[in-house]
PDB file of N, CA and C in Angstrom:
ATOM      1  N   UNK A   1     -67.565-171.432 124.815  1.00  0.00           N
ATOM      2  CA  UNK A   1     -66.915-170.702 123.650  1.00  0.00           C
ATOM      3  C   UNK A   1     -66.552-171.880 122.710  1.00  0.00           C
ATOM      4  N   UNK A   2     -66.766-171.883 121.458  1.00  0.00           N
ATOM      5  CA  UNK A   2     -66.630-172.698 120.405  1.00  0.00           C
ATOM      6  C   UNK A   2     -65.275-173.149 120.407  1.00  0.00           C
ATOM      7  N   UNK A   3     -64.732-174.172 119.691  1.00  0.00           N
ATOM      8  CA  UNK A   3     -63.444-174.656 119.440  1.00  0.00           C
ATOM      9  C   UNK A   3     -63.120-173.787 118.175  1.00  0.00           C
ATOM     10  N   UNK A   4     -61.749-173.213 118.321  1.00  0.00           N
ATOM     11  CA  UNK A   4     -61.368-172.313 117.075  1.00  0.00           C
ATOM     12  C   UNK A   4     -60.068-173.074 116.612  1.00  0.00           C
ATOM     13  N   UNK A   5     -59.955-173.343 115.282  1.00  0.00           N
ATOM     14  CA  UNK A   5     -58.884-173.850 114.563  1.00  0.00           C
ATOM     15  C   UNK A   5     -58.210-172.460 114.058  1.00  0.00           C
ATOM     16  N   UNK A   6     -57.006-172.113 115.027  1.00  0.00           N
ATOM     17  CA  UNK A   6     -56.179-170.767 114.688  1.00  0.00           C
ATOM     18  C   UNK A   6     -55.883-170.896 113.112  1.00  0.00           C
ATOM     19  N   UNK A   7     -55.443-171.888 112.617  1.00  0.00           N
ATOM     20  CA  UNK A   7     -55.064-172.001 111.222  1.00  0.00           C
ATOM     21  C   UNK A   7     -55.970-171.349 110.090  1.00  0.00           C
ATOM     22  N   UNK A   8     -57.289-171.292 110.601  1.00  0.00           N
ATOM     23  CA  UNK A   8     -58.489-170.846 109.823  1.00  0.00           C
ATOM     24  C   UNK A   8     -58.647-169.314 109.924  1.00  0.00           C
ATOM     25  N   UNK A   9     -57.962-168.907 110.913  1.00  0.00           N
ATOM     26  CA  UNK A   9     -58.098-167.283 111.042  1.00  0.00           C
ATOM     27  C   UNK A   9     -57.210-166.568 110.412  1.00  0.00           C
ATOM     28  N   UNK A  10     -57.695-165.643 109.401  1.00  0.00           N
ATOM     29  CA  UNK A  10     -56.631-164.885 108.756  1.00  0.00           C
ATOM     30  C   UNK A  10     -55.561-163.839 109.802  1.00  0.00           C
ATOM     31  N   UNK A  11     -54.224-163.946 109.439  1.00  0.00           N
ATOM     32  CA  UNK A  11     -53.334-162.842 109.981  1.00  0.00           C
ATOM     33  C   UNK A  11     -53.850-161.425 109.445  1.00  0.00           C
ATOM     34  N   UNK A  12     -53.961-160.485 110.256  1.00  0.00           N
ATOM     35  CA  UNK A  12     -54.158-159.209 109.735  1.00  0.00           C
ATOM     36  C   UNK A  12     -53.084-158.138 110.365  1.00  0.00           C
ATOM     37  N   UNK A  13     -52.813-157.247 109.458  1.00  0.00           N
ATOM     38  CA  UNK A  13     -51.726-156.310 109.625  1.00  0.00           C
ATOM     39  C   UNK A  13     -52.228-155.202 110.711  1.00  0.00           C
ATOM     40  N   UNK A  14     -51.704-155.146 111.977  1.00  0.00           N
ATOM     41  CA  UNK A  14     -52.043-154.596 113.093  1.00  0.00           C
ATOM     42  C   UNK A  14     -51.540-153.001 112.998  1.00  0.00           C
ATOM     43  N   UNK A  15     -50.258-153.117 112.750  1.00  0.00           N
ATOM     44  CA  UNK A  15     -49.395-151.867 112.659  1.00  0.00           C
ATOM     45  C   UNK A  15     -48.165-152.188 111.623  1.00  0.00           C
ATOM     46  N   UNK A  16     -47.453-151.228 110.978  1.00  0.00           N
ATOM     47  CA  UNK A  16     -46.656-151.741 109.958  1.00  0.00           C
ATOM     48  C   UNK A  16     -45.439-152.505 110.431  1.00  0.00           C
ATOM     49  N   UNK A  17     -45.356-153.826 109.947  1.00  0.00           N
ATOM     50  CA  UNK A  17     -44.351-154.716 110.393  1.00  0.00           C
ATOM     51  C   UNK A  17     -44.994-155.716 111.455  1.00  0.00           C
ATOM     52  N   UNK A  18     -46.081-155.404 112.102  1.00  0.00           N
ATOM     53  CA  UNK A  18     -46.689-156.281 112.952  1.00  0.00           C
ATOM     54  C   UNK A  18     -48.126-156.919 112.617  1.00  0.00           C
ATOM     55  N   UNK A  19     -48.033-158.289 112.424  1.00  0.00           N
ATOM     56  CA  UNK A  19     -49.141-159.073 112.179  1.00  0.00           C
ATOM     57  C   UNK A  19     -49.674-159.672 113.371  1.00  0.00           C
ATOM     58  N   UNK A  20     -50.923-159.806 113.337  1.00  0.00           N
ATOM     59  CA  UNK A  20     -51.628-160.713 114.349  1.00  0.00           C
ATOM     60  C   UNK A  20     -52.947-161.549 114.068  1.00  0.00           C
ATOM     61  N   UNK A  21     -52.962-162.451 114.867  1.00  0.00           N
ATOM     62  CA  UNK A  21     -54.202-163.488 114.824  1.00  0.00           C
ATOM     63  C   UNK A  21     -54.995-163.614 116.120  1.00  0.00           C
ATOM     64  N   UNK A  22     -56.174-163.479 116.296  1.00  0.00           N
ATOM     65  CA  UNK A  22     -56.796-163.573 117.643  1.00  0.00           C
ATOM     66  C   UNK A  22     -57.274-165.065 117.542  1.00  0.00           C
ATOM     67  N   UNK A  23     -56.735-165.750 118.635  1.00  0.00           N
ATOM     68  CA  UNK A  23     -57.165-167.294 118.785  1.00  0.00           C
ATOM     69  C   UNK A  23     -58.533-167.353 119.728  1.00  0.00           C
ATOM     70  N   UNK A  24     -58.548-166.109 120.455  1.00  0.00           N
ATOM     71  CA  UNK A  24     -59.758-165.909 121.421  1.00  0.00           C
ATOM     72  C   UNK A  24     -60.201-164.654 121.538  1.00  0.00           C
ATOM     73  N   UNK A  25     -61.236-164.136 121.662  1.00  0.00           N
ATOM     74  CA  UNK A  25     -61.692-162.841 121.511  1.00  0.00           C
ATOM     75  C   UNK A  25     -63.420-162.908 121.462  1.00  0.00           C
ATOM     76  N   UNK A  26     -63.823-161.874 121.729  1.00  0.00           N
ATOM     77  CA  UNK A  26     -65.295-161.604 122.108  1.00  0.00           C
ATOM     78  C   UNK A  26     -65.896-161.730 120.731  1.00  0.00           C
ATOM     79  N   UNK A  27     -65.467-161.628 119.516  1.00  0.00           N
ATOM     80  CA  UNK A  27     -66.019-161.859 118.268  1.00  0.00           C
ATOM     81  C   UNK A  27     -65.846-163.341 118.047  1.00  0.00           C
ATOM     82  N   UNK A  28     -65.080-163.997 118.573  1.00  0.00           N
ATOM     83  CA  UNK A  28     -64.983-165.427 118.480  1.00  0.00           C
ATOM     84  C   UNK A  28     -65.806-166.342 119.637  1.00  0.00           C
ATOM     85  N   UNK A  29     -66.297-165.583 120.355  1.00  0.00           N
ATOM     86  CA  UNK A  29     -67.056-166.063 121.441  1.00  0.00           C
ATOM     87  C   UNK A  29     -66.623-166.139 122.900  1.00  0.00           C
ATOM     88  N   UNK A  30     -65.393-165.692 122.993  1.00  0.00           N
ATOM     89  CA  UNK A  30     -64.815-165.503 124.302  1.00  0.00           C
ATOM     90  C   UNK A  30     -65.347-164.647 125.278  1.00  0.00           C
ATOM     91  N   UNK A  31     -65.778-164.781 126.716  1.00  0.00           N
ATOM     92  CA  UNK A  31     -66.304-163.864 127.216  1.00  0.00           C
ATOM     93  C   UNK A  31     -65.363-163.339 128.426  1.00  0.00           C
ATOM     94  N   UNK A  32     -64.334-164.080 128.629  1.00  0.00           N
ATOM     95  CA  UNK A  32     -63.450-163.647 129.936  1.00  0.00           C
ATOM     96  C   UNK A  32     -62.159-163.699 129.726  1.00  0.00           C
ATOM     97  N   UNK A  33     -61.805-163.751 128.225  1.00  0.00           N
ATOM     98  CA  UNK A  33     -60.141-163.810 127.889  1.00  0.00           C
ATOM     99  C   UNK A  33     -60.032-163.546 126.591  1.00  0.00           C
ATOM    100  N   UNK A  34     -59.028-163.008 126.242  1.00  0.00           N
ATOM    101  CA  UNK A  34     -58.390-162.740 124.677  1.00  0.00           C
ATOM    102  C   UNK A  34     -57.228-163.382 124.518  1.00  0.00           C
ATOM    103  N   UNK A  35     -57.006-164.132 123.361  1.00  0.00           N
ATOM    104  CA  UNK A  35     -55.510-164.480 123.261  1.00  0.00           C
ATOM    105  C   UNK A  35     -55.172-163.913 121.736  1.00  0.00           C
ATOM    106  N   UNK A  36     -53.832-163.425 121.697  1.00  0.00           N
ATOM    107  CA  UNK A  36     -53.521-162.955 120.447  1.00  0.00           C
ATOM    108  C   UNK A  36     -51.952-163.379 120.077  1.00  0.00           C
ATOM    109  N   UNK A  37     -51.899-163.787 118.981  1.00  0.00           N
ATOM    110  CA  UNK A  37     -50.538-164.478 118.357  1.00  0.00           C
ATOM    111  C   UNK A  37     -50.186-163.223 117.449  1.00  0.00           C
ATOM    112  N   UNK A  38     -49.017-162.458 117.657  1.00  0.00           N
ATOM    113  CA  UNK A  38     -48.429-161.566 116.892  1.00  0.00           C
ATOM    114  C   UNK A  38     -47.035-162.307 116.222  1.00  0.00           C
ATOM    115  N   UNK A  39     -46.637-161.584 115.340  1.00  0.00           N
ATOM    116  CA  UNK A  39     -45.584-161.912 114.435  1.00  0.00           C
ATOM    117  C   UNK A  39     -45.069-160.360 114.094  1.00  0.00           C
ATOM    118  N   UNK A  40     -43.714-160.075 114.483  1.00  0.00           N
ATOM    119  CA  UNK A  40     -43.117-158.841 114.289  1.00  0.00           C
ATOM    120  C   UNK A  40     -42.023-159.175 113.029  1.00  0.00           C
ATOM    121  N   UNK A  41     -42.079-158.385 112.047  1.00  0.00           N
ATOM    122  CA  UNK A  41     -40.916-158.447 111.234  1.00  0.00           C
ATOM    123  C   UNK A  41     -39.567-157.513 111.893  1.00  0.00           C
ATOM    124  N   UNK A  42     -38.385-157.974 111.322  1.00  0.00           N
ATOM    125  CA  UNK A  42     -37.369-157.403 111.942  1.00  0.00           C
ATOM    126  C   UNK A  42     -37.338-155.956 112.019  1.00  0.00           C
ATOM    127  N   UNK A  43     -37.247-155.301 112.983  1.00  0.00           N
ATOM    128  CA  UNK A  43     -37.237-153.789 113.027  1.00  0.00           C
ATOM    129  C   UNK A  43     -35.732-153.374 112.873  1.00  0.00           C
ATOM    130  N   UNK A  44     -35.465-152.428 112.177  1.00  0.00           N
ATOM    131  CA  UNK A  44     -34.074-151.686 111.985  1.00  0.00           C
ATOM    132  C   UNK A  44     -33.373-151.071 113.331  1.00  0.00           C
ATOM    133  N   UNK A  45     -32.207-150.985 113.478  1.00  0.00           N
ATOM    134  CA  UNK A  45     -31.653-150.370 114.339  1.00  0.00           C
ATOM    135  C   UNK A  45     -31.965-148.886 114.293  1.00  0.00           C
ATOM    136  N   UNK A  46     -32.116-148.163 115.342  1.00  0.00           N
ATOM    137  CA  UNK A  46     -32.384-146.727 115.416  1.00  0.00           C
ATOM    138  C   UNK A  46     -33.733-146.322 115.206  1.00  0.00           C
ATOM    139  N   UNK A  47     -34.709-147.174 114.807  1.00  0.00           N
ATOM    140  CA  UNK A  47     -36.009-147.261 114.675  1.00  0.00           C
ATOM    141  C   UNK A  47     -36.825-147.231 115.994  1.00  0.00           C
ATOM    142  N   UNK A  48     -37.680-146.060 116.279  1.00  0.00           N
ATOM    143  CA  UNK A  48     -38.350-146.063 117.427  1.00  0.00           C
ATOM    144  C   UNK A  48     -39.459-147.185 117.581  1.00  0.00           C
ATOM    145  N   UNK A  49     -39.539-147.836 118.517  1.00  0.00           N
ATOM    146  CA  UNK A  49     -40.439-149.114 118.575  1.00  0.00           C
ATOM    147  C   UNK A  49     -40.498-149.674 120.126  1.00  0.00           C
ATOM    148  N   UNK A  50     -41.651-150.133 120.394  1.00  0.00           N
ATOM    149  CA  UNK A  50     -41.846-150.529 121.736  1.00  0.00           C
ATOM    150  C   UNK A  50     -41.032-152.031 122.102  1.00  0.00           C
ATOM    151  N   UNK A  51     -41.211-152.846 121.012  1.00  0.00           N
ATOM    152  CA  UNK A  51     -40.558-154.151 121.082  1.00  0.00           C
ATOM    153  C   UNK A  51     -40.114-154.691 119.499  1.00  0.00           C
ATOM    154  N   UNK A  52     -39.482-155.676 119.604  1.00  0.00           N
ATOM    155  CA  UNK A  52     -38.983-156.235 118.297  1.00  0.00           C
ATOM    156  C   UNK A  52     -37.900-157.300 118.410  1.00  0.00           C
ATOM    157  N   UNK A  53     -37.075-157.744 117.442  1.00  0.00           N
ATOM    158  CA  UNK A  53     -36.324-158.693 117.618  1.00  0.00           C
ATOM    159  C   UNK A  53     -34.775-158.189 117.494  1.00  0.00           C
ATOM    160  N   UNK A  54     -34.047-158.955 117.801  1.00  0.00           N
ATOM    161  CA  UNK A  54     -32.444-158.911 117.696  1.00  0.00           C
ATOM    162  C   UNK A  54     -31.714-159.153 116.493  1.00  0.00           C
ATOM    163  N   UNK A  55     -32.645-160.027 115.746  1.00  0.00           N
ATOM    164  CA  UNK A  55     -31.909-160.689 114.689  1.00  0.00           C
ATOM    165  C   UNK A  55     -32.995-160.332 113.286  1.00  0.00           C
ATOM    166  N   UNK A  56     -32.627-161.310 112.257  1.00  0.00           N
ATOM    167  CA  UNK A  56     -33.264-161.132 110.955  1.00  0.00           C
ATOM    168  C   UNK A  56     -34.550-162.015 110.996  1.00  0.00           C
ATOM    169  N   UNK A  57     -34.465-162.882 111.946  1.00  0.00           N
ATOM    170  CA  UNK A  57     -35.943-163.613 111.932  1.00  0.00           C
ATOM    171  C   UNK A  57     -36.933-162.925 112.565  1.00  0.00           C
ATOM    172  N   UNK A  58     -38.561-162.954 112.163  1.00  0.00           N
ATOM    173  CA  UNK A  58     -39.331-162.561 113.025  1.00  0.00           C
ATOM    174  C   UNK A  58     -39.785-162.917 114.088  1.00  0.00           C
ATOM    175  N   UNK A  59     -40.283-162.305 115.004  1.00  0.00           N
ATOM    176  CA  UNK A  59     -40.387-162.603 116.421  1.00  0.00           C
ATOM    177  C   UNK A  59     -41.843-163.181 116.446  1.00  0.00           C
ATOM    178  N   UNK A  60     -42.074-163.818 117.182  1.00  0.00           N
ATOM    179  CA  UNK A  60     -43.469-164.392 117.519  1.00  0.00           C
ATOM    180  C   UNK A  60     -43.878-164.300 119.050  1.00  0.00           C
ATOM    181  N   UNK A  61     -45.042-163.693 119.422  1.00  0.00           N
ATOM    182  CA  UNK A  61     -45.366-163.300 120.691  1.00  0.00           C
ATOM    183  C   UNK A  61     -46.799-163.927 120.757  1.00  0.00           C
ATOM    184  N   UNK A  62     -47.023-164.393 122.220  1.00  0.00           N
ATOM    185  CA  UNK A  62     -48.410-165.047 122.505  1.00  0.00           C
ATOM    186  C   UNK A  62     -49.007-163.687 123.620  1.00  0.00           C
ATOM    187  N   UNK A  63     -50.003-163.005 123.427  1.00  0.00           N
ATOM    188  CA  UNK A  63     -50.139-162.314 124.593  1.00  0.00           C
ATOM    189  C   UNK A  63     -51.797-162.702 125.102  1.00  0.00           C
ATOM    190  N   UNK A  64     -51.845-162.717 126.184  1.00  0.00           N
ATOM    191  CA  UNK A  64     -53.228-163.277 127.058  1.00  0.00           C
ATOM    192  C   UNK A  64     -53.552-161.901 127.635  1.00  0.00           C
ATOM    193  N   UNK A  65     -54.924-161.943 127.343  1.00  0.00           N
ATOM    194  CA  UNK A  65     -55.609-160.722 128.234  1.00  0.00           C
ATOM    195  C   UNK A  65     -56.750-161.214 128.980  1.00  0.00           C
ATOM    196  N   UNK A  66     -56.723-160.830 130.265  1.00  0.00           N
ATOM    197  CA  UNK A  66     -57.843-160.806 131.228  1.00  0.00           C
ATOM    198  C   UNK A  66     -59.165-160.204 130.882  1.00  0.00           C
ATOM    199  N   UNK A  67     -59.774-160.835 129.847  1.00  0.00           N
ATOM    200  CA  UNK A  67     -61.001-159.905 129.303  1.00  0.00           C
ATOM    201  C   UNK A  67     -61.252-160.251 127.776  1.00  0.00           C
ATOM    202  N   UNK A  68     -62.683-159.840 127.348  1.00  0.00           N
ATOM    203  CA  UNK A  68     -62.897-160.163 126.092  1.00  0.00           C
ATOM    204  C   UNK A  68     -62.647-159.166 124.861  1.00  0.00           C
ATOM    205  N   UNK A  69     -61.877-158.094 125.405  1.00  0.00           N
ATOM    206  CA  UNK A  69     -61.716-157.037 124.363  1.00  0.00           C
ATOM    207  C   UNK A  69     -60.474-156.186 124.842  1.00  0.00           C
ATOM    208  N   UNK A  70     -59.312-156.776 124.415  1.00  0.00           N
ATOM    209  CA  UNK A  70     -58.170-156.093 125.014  1.00  0.00           C
ATOM    210  C   UNK A  70     -57.832-154.709 124.755  1.00  0.00           C
ATOM    211  N   UNK A  71     -58.254-154.044 123.747  1.00  0.00           N
ATOM    212  CA  UNK A  71     -58.034-152.929 123.229  1.00  0.00           C
ATOM    213  C   UNK A  71     -58.865-151.699 123.794  1.00  0.00           C
ATOM    214  N   UNK A  72     -59.890-152.357 124.667  1.00  0.00           N
ATOM    215  CA  UNK A  72     -60.998-151.278 125.335  1.00  0.00           C
ATOM    216  C   UNK A  72     -60.496-150.167 126.155  1.00  0.00           C
ATOM    217  N   UNK A  73     -59.458-150.673 127.061  1.00  0.00           N
ATOM    218  CA  UNK A  73     -59.136-149.482 127.874  1.00  0.00           C
ATOM    219  C   UNK A  73     -57.564-149.367 127.523  1.00  0.00           C
ATOM    220  N   UNK A  74     -57.333-149.515 126.373  1.00  0.00           N
ATOM    221  CA  UNK A  74     -55.783-148.950 126.055  1.00  0.00           C
ATOM    222  C   UNK A  74     -55.705-147.400 125.232  1.00  0.00           C
ATOM    223  N   UNK A  75     -54.611-146.780 125.477  1.00  0.00           N
ATOM    224  CA  UNK A  75     -54.362-145.529 124.998  1.00  0.00           C
ATOM    225  C   UNK A  75     -53.548-145.606 124.010  1.00  0.00           C
ATOM    226  N   UNK A  76     -53.699-144.973 122.801  1.00  0.00           N
ATOM    227  CA  UNK A  76     -52.983-145.110 121.426  1.00  0.00           C
ATOM    228  C   UNK A  76     -52.570-143.649 121.247  1.00  0.00           C
ATOM    229  N   UNK A  77     -51.263-143.469 121.038  1.00  0.00           N
ATOM    230  CA  UNK A  77     -50.590-142.273 120.917  1.00  0.00           C
ATOM    231  C   UNK A  77     -50.602-141.679 119.431  1.00  0.00           C
ATOM    232  N   UNK A  78     -50.832-142.824 118.599  1.00  0.00           N
ATOM    233  CA  UNK A  78     -50.801-142.707 117.146  1.00  0.00           C
ATOM    234  C   UNK A  78     -51.927-143.698 116.727  1.00  0.00           C
ATOM    235  N   UNK A  79     -52.796-143.383 115.872  1.00  0.00           N
ATOM    236  CA  UNK A  79     -53.522-144.203 115.200  1.00  0.00           C
ATOM    237  C   UNK A  79     -54.706-144.934 115.874  1.00  0.00           C
ATOM    238  N   UNK A  80     -55.251-145.798 115.467  1.00  0.00           N
ATOM    239  CA  UNK A  80     -56.562-146.422 116.209  1.00  0.00           C
ATOM    240  C   UNK A  80     -56.127-147.762 116.816  1.00  0.00           C
ATOM    241  N   UNK A  81     -56.838-148.396 117.690  1.00  0.00           N
ATOM    242  CA  UNK A  81     -56.602-149.842 117.977  1.00  0.00           C
ATOM    243  C   UNK A  81     -56.734-150.495 116.689  1.00  0.00           C
ATOM    244  N   UNK A  82     -55.906-151.739 116.703  1.00  0.00           N
ATOM    245  CA  UNK A  82     -56.206-152.932 115.597  1.00  0.00           C
ATOM    246  C   UNK A  82     -57.642-153.251 115.583  1.00  0.00           C
ATOM    247  N   UNK A  83     -57.957-153.598 114.200  1.00  0.00           N
ATOM    248  CA  UNK A  83     -59.339-154.158 114.161  1.00  0.00           C
ATOM    249  C   UNK A  83     -59.361-155.664 114.559  1.00  0.00           C
ATOM    250  N   UNK A  84     -60.306-156.188 115.118  1.00  0.00           N
ATOM    251  CA  UNK A  84     -60.253-157.456 115.319  1.00  0.00           C
ATOM    252  C   UNK A  84     -61.158-158.342 114.076  1.00  0.00           C
ATOM    253  N   UNK A  85     -60.600-159.630 113.668  1.00  0.00           N
ATOM    254  CA  UNK A  85     -61.507-160.304 112.601  1.00  0.00           C
ATOM    255  C   UNK A  85     -61.934-161.467 113.087  1.00  0.00           C
ATOM    256  N   UNK A  86     -62.979-162.088 113.067  1.00  0.00           N
ATOM    257  CA  UNK A  86     -63.377-163.348 113.406  1.00  0.00           C
ATOM    258  C   UNK A  86     -63.068-164.349 112.303  1.00  0.00           C
TER     259      UNK A  86
END
């Protein structure tokens, strides 16, 4: 897998309020792992969600997936899997 400078990868809107940047993914040459950095805007109280923040600061999460395509075997109740961008 080639060296990837994460600062050069554009952040994409994955869901309303959720932004992501793939640092390792099949489109970037990875074959056995995916690495995703997410940023979540503050999610208001009583808004249905799976995760978010407790304050007004954006939450930052790093997801590590054992495989080159983390959304291939995911089930989405609403919408489609996020698009990956190299």
